[in-house]
Amino acid sequence: MTIVGVVLIDLLAVAFLAWILGLVQQGRLYVGYGVILVATLVAVATVVSVPVLRAAVDAILQRLFGTAGPLVVAFSFVTLLLIYILTQVTIVSNRLATLVQDLAIRQADAATPRKSDAPEGNDQDTGRANTVITSNRLT
């Protein structure tokens, strides 16, 4: 890899880091996703920037996967990231479903009039008592 390629990748990594940190700070990106992305960017920039590390990683990938080594690593990372994201989306979806069900049950309970709970002095069977407000006290 040429020095221009290394500098370009490092500049992109810095730009992405600034963007990711800004999104996390604004609350538009989940902190867990930010940590994964920042760790990955720092690791990639370090491996690309240090020639000894780049040569070692290239040699290991060449022995393990042949010529498609970097591609296998990239697809593995994307697959792991997708699994994590989909897991988090599923957790949020399940929480939302539970919350909506609980809200529907509470609204159904509130809308159902109960004769046993109706206080005396009630004109209608709505569950609401007639109250008279005098001097800021309910009587």
Protein backbone atom coordinates (compact mmCIF):
# COMPACT_ATOMS: atom_id res chain seq x y z
CA MET A 1 0.00 0.00 0.00
CA THR A 2 1.31 3.42 -0.87
CA ILE A 3 1.81 6.27 1.58
CA VAL A 4 -1.04 8.17 -0.08
CA GLY A 5 -3.37 5.22 0.55
CA VAL A 6 -2.33 5.02 4.19
CA VAL A 7 -2.85 8.76 4.71
CA LEU A 8 -6.23 8.63 2.97
CA ILE A 9 -7.43 5.73 5.13
CA ASP A 10 -6.21 7.49 8.28
CA LEU A 11 -7.99 10.73 7.31
CA LEU A 12 -11.20 8.83 6.62
CA ALA A 13 -10.89 7.07 9.98
CA VAL A 14 -10.50 10.41 11.78
CA ALA A 15 -13.51 11.86 9.92
CA PHE A 16 -15.61 8.80 10.74
CA LEU A 17 -14.51 8.94 14.39
CA ALA A 18 -15.60 12.58 14.65
CA TRP A 19 -18.92 11.77 13.01
CA ILE A 20 -19.56 8.73 15.24
CA LEU A 21 -18.67 10.62 18.43
CA GLY A 22 -20.95 13.49 17.41
CA LEU A 23 -23.84 11.10 16.78
CA VAL A 24 -23.32 9.39 20.13
CA GLN A 25 -23.12 12.75 21.92
CA GLN A 26 -26.39 13.89 20.30
CA GLY A 27 -28.07 10.62 21.24
CA ARG A 28 -28.67 9.65 17.61
CA LEU A 29 -26.42 6.57 17.81
CA TYR A 30 -26.58 3.95 20.52
CA VAL A 31 -23.44 3.97 22.67
CA GLY A 32 -22.84 0.25 22.11
CA TYR A 33 -22.80 0.73 18.35
CA GLY A 34 -20.45 3.67 18.77
CA VAL A 35 -18.01 1.63 20.84
CA ILE A 36 -17.94 -1.14 18.24
CA LEU A 37 -17.40 1.30 15.39
CA VAL A 38 -14.72 3.32 17.19
CA ALA A 39 -12.82 0.17 18.21
CA THR A 40 -12.96 -1.14 14.64
CA LEU A 41 -11.81 2.16 13.13
CA VAL A 42 -8.92 2.47 15.57
CA ALA A 43 -7.85 -1.12 14.91
CA VAL A 44 -8.02 -0.73 11.12
CA ALA A 45 -6.18 2.61 11.17
CA THR A 46 -3.48 1.14 13.42
CA VAL A 47 -2.96 -1.93 11.25
CA VAL A 48 -2.89 0.15 8.07
CA SER A 49 -0.54 2.79 9.51
CA VAL A 50 2.09 0.48 11.03
CA PRO A 51 3.92 -1.39 8.24
CA VAL A 52 5.04 -4.25 10.50
CA LEU A 53 1.46 -4.90 11.67
CA ARG A 54 0.13 -4.59 8.13
CA ALA A 55 2.67 -7.14 6.86
CA ALA A 56 1.93 -9.54 9.74
CA VAL A 57 -1.85 -9.35 9.26
CA ASP A 58 -1.44 -9.74 5.51
CA ALA A 59 0.78 -12.81 5.95
CA ILE A 60 -1.65 -14.41 8.42
CA LEU A 61 -4.65 -13.78 6.19
CA GLN A 62 -2.74 -15.01 3.15
CA ARG A 63 -1.95 -18.30 4.89
CA LEU A 64 -5.45 -18.79 6.27
CA PHE A 65 -7.61 -17.69 3.36
CA GLY A 66 -5.36 -17.30 0.35
CA THR A 67 -6.01 -14.23 -1.77
CA ALA A 68 -9.48 -13.52 -0.34
CA GLY A 69 -8.26 -12.91 3.22
CA PRO A 70 -9.20 -9.25 3.61
CA LEU A 71 -12.55 -9.90 1.99
CA VAL A 72 -13.33 -12.69 4.46
CA VAL A 73 -12.43 -10.45 7.39
CA ALA A 74 -14.61 -7.63 6.04
CA PHE A 75 -17.61 -9.92 5.51
CA SER A 76 -17.12 -11.44 8.96
CA PHE A 77 -17.16 -8.00 10.57
CA VAL A 78 -20.27 -6.96 8.64
CA THR A 79 -22.01 -10.20 9.61
CA LEU A 80 -21.17 -9.75 13.30
CA LEU A 81 -22.29 -6.13 13.21
CA LEU A 82 -25.58 -7.07 11.58
CA ILE A 83 -26.21 -9.75 14.17
CA TYR A 84 -25.58 -7.26 16.97
CA ILE A 85 -27.78 -4.58 15.39
CA LEU A 86 -30.61 -6.99 14.73
CA THR A 87 -30.37 -8.29 18.28
CA GLN A 88 -30.67 -4.76 19.64
CA VAL A 89 -33.59 -3.98 17.32
CA THR A 90 -35.31 -7.15 18.50
CA ILE A 91 -34.85 -6.20 22.15
CA VAL A 92 -36.32 -2.75 21.51
CA SER A 93 -39.19 -4.26 19.53
CA ASN A 94 -40.03 -6.69 22.33
CA ARG A 95 -39.94 -3.90 24.90
CA LEU A 96 -42.21 -1.77 22.74
CA ALA A 97 -44.70 -4.61 22.26
CA THR A 98 -44.83 -5.22 26.02
CA LEU A 99 -45.28 -1.51 26.69
CA VAL A 100 -48.10 -1.20 24.14
CA GLN A 101 -49.88 -4.24 25.58
CA ASP A 102 -49.58 -2.85 29.11
CA LEU A 103 -50.89 0.53 27.95
CA ALA A 104 -53.84 -1.09 26.17
CA ILE A 105 -54.72 -3.09 29.28
CA ARG A 106 -54.57 0.03 31.47
CA GLN A 107 -56.73 2.03 29.07
CA ALA A 108 -59.27 -0.78 28.87
CA ASP A 109 -59.41 -0.97 32.67
CA ALA A 110 -59.83 2.81 32.96
CA ALA A 111 -62.66 2.87 30.41
CA THR A 112 -64.64 0.09 32.08
CA PRO A 113 -67.08 1.47 34.71
CA ARG A 114 -67.28 -0.47 37.94
CA LYS A 115 -70.39 -0.38 40.10
CA SER A 116 -68.57 -1.57 43.19
CA ASP A 117 -66.11 1.33 42.96
CA ALA A 118 -68.76 4.00 42.30
CA PRO A 119 -68.95 6.46 45.21
CA GLU A 120 -72.19 7.69 46.66
CA GLY A 121 -73.75 10.72 45.02
CA ASN A 122 -72.97 9.47 41.57
CA ASP A 123 -75.56 10.60 39.00
CA GLN A 124 -74.52 8.23 36.25
CA ASP A 125 -72.89 4.84 36.10
CA THR A 126 -69.61 6.32 34.78
CA GLY A 127 -67.53 5.84 37.88
CA ARG A 128 -67.17 9.60 38.39
CA ALA A 129 -68.35 11.11 41.62
CA ASN A 130 -70.06 14.49 41.89
CA THR A 131 -67.84 16.73 43.98
CA VAL A 132 -68.30 20.22 45.26
CA ILE A 133 -65.23 22.40 45.46
CA THR A 134 -65.29 24.82 48.36
CA SER A 135 -62.29 26.75 49.58
CA ASN A 136 -59.82 24.55 47.65
CA ARG A 137 -60.92 21.39 49.43
CA LEU A 138 -62.81 18.46 47.98
CA THR A 139 -65.89 17.53 49.97
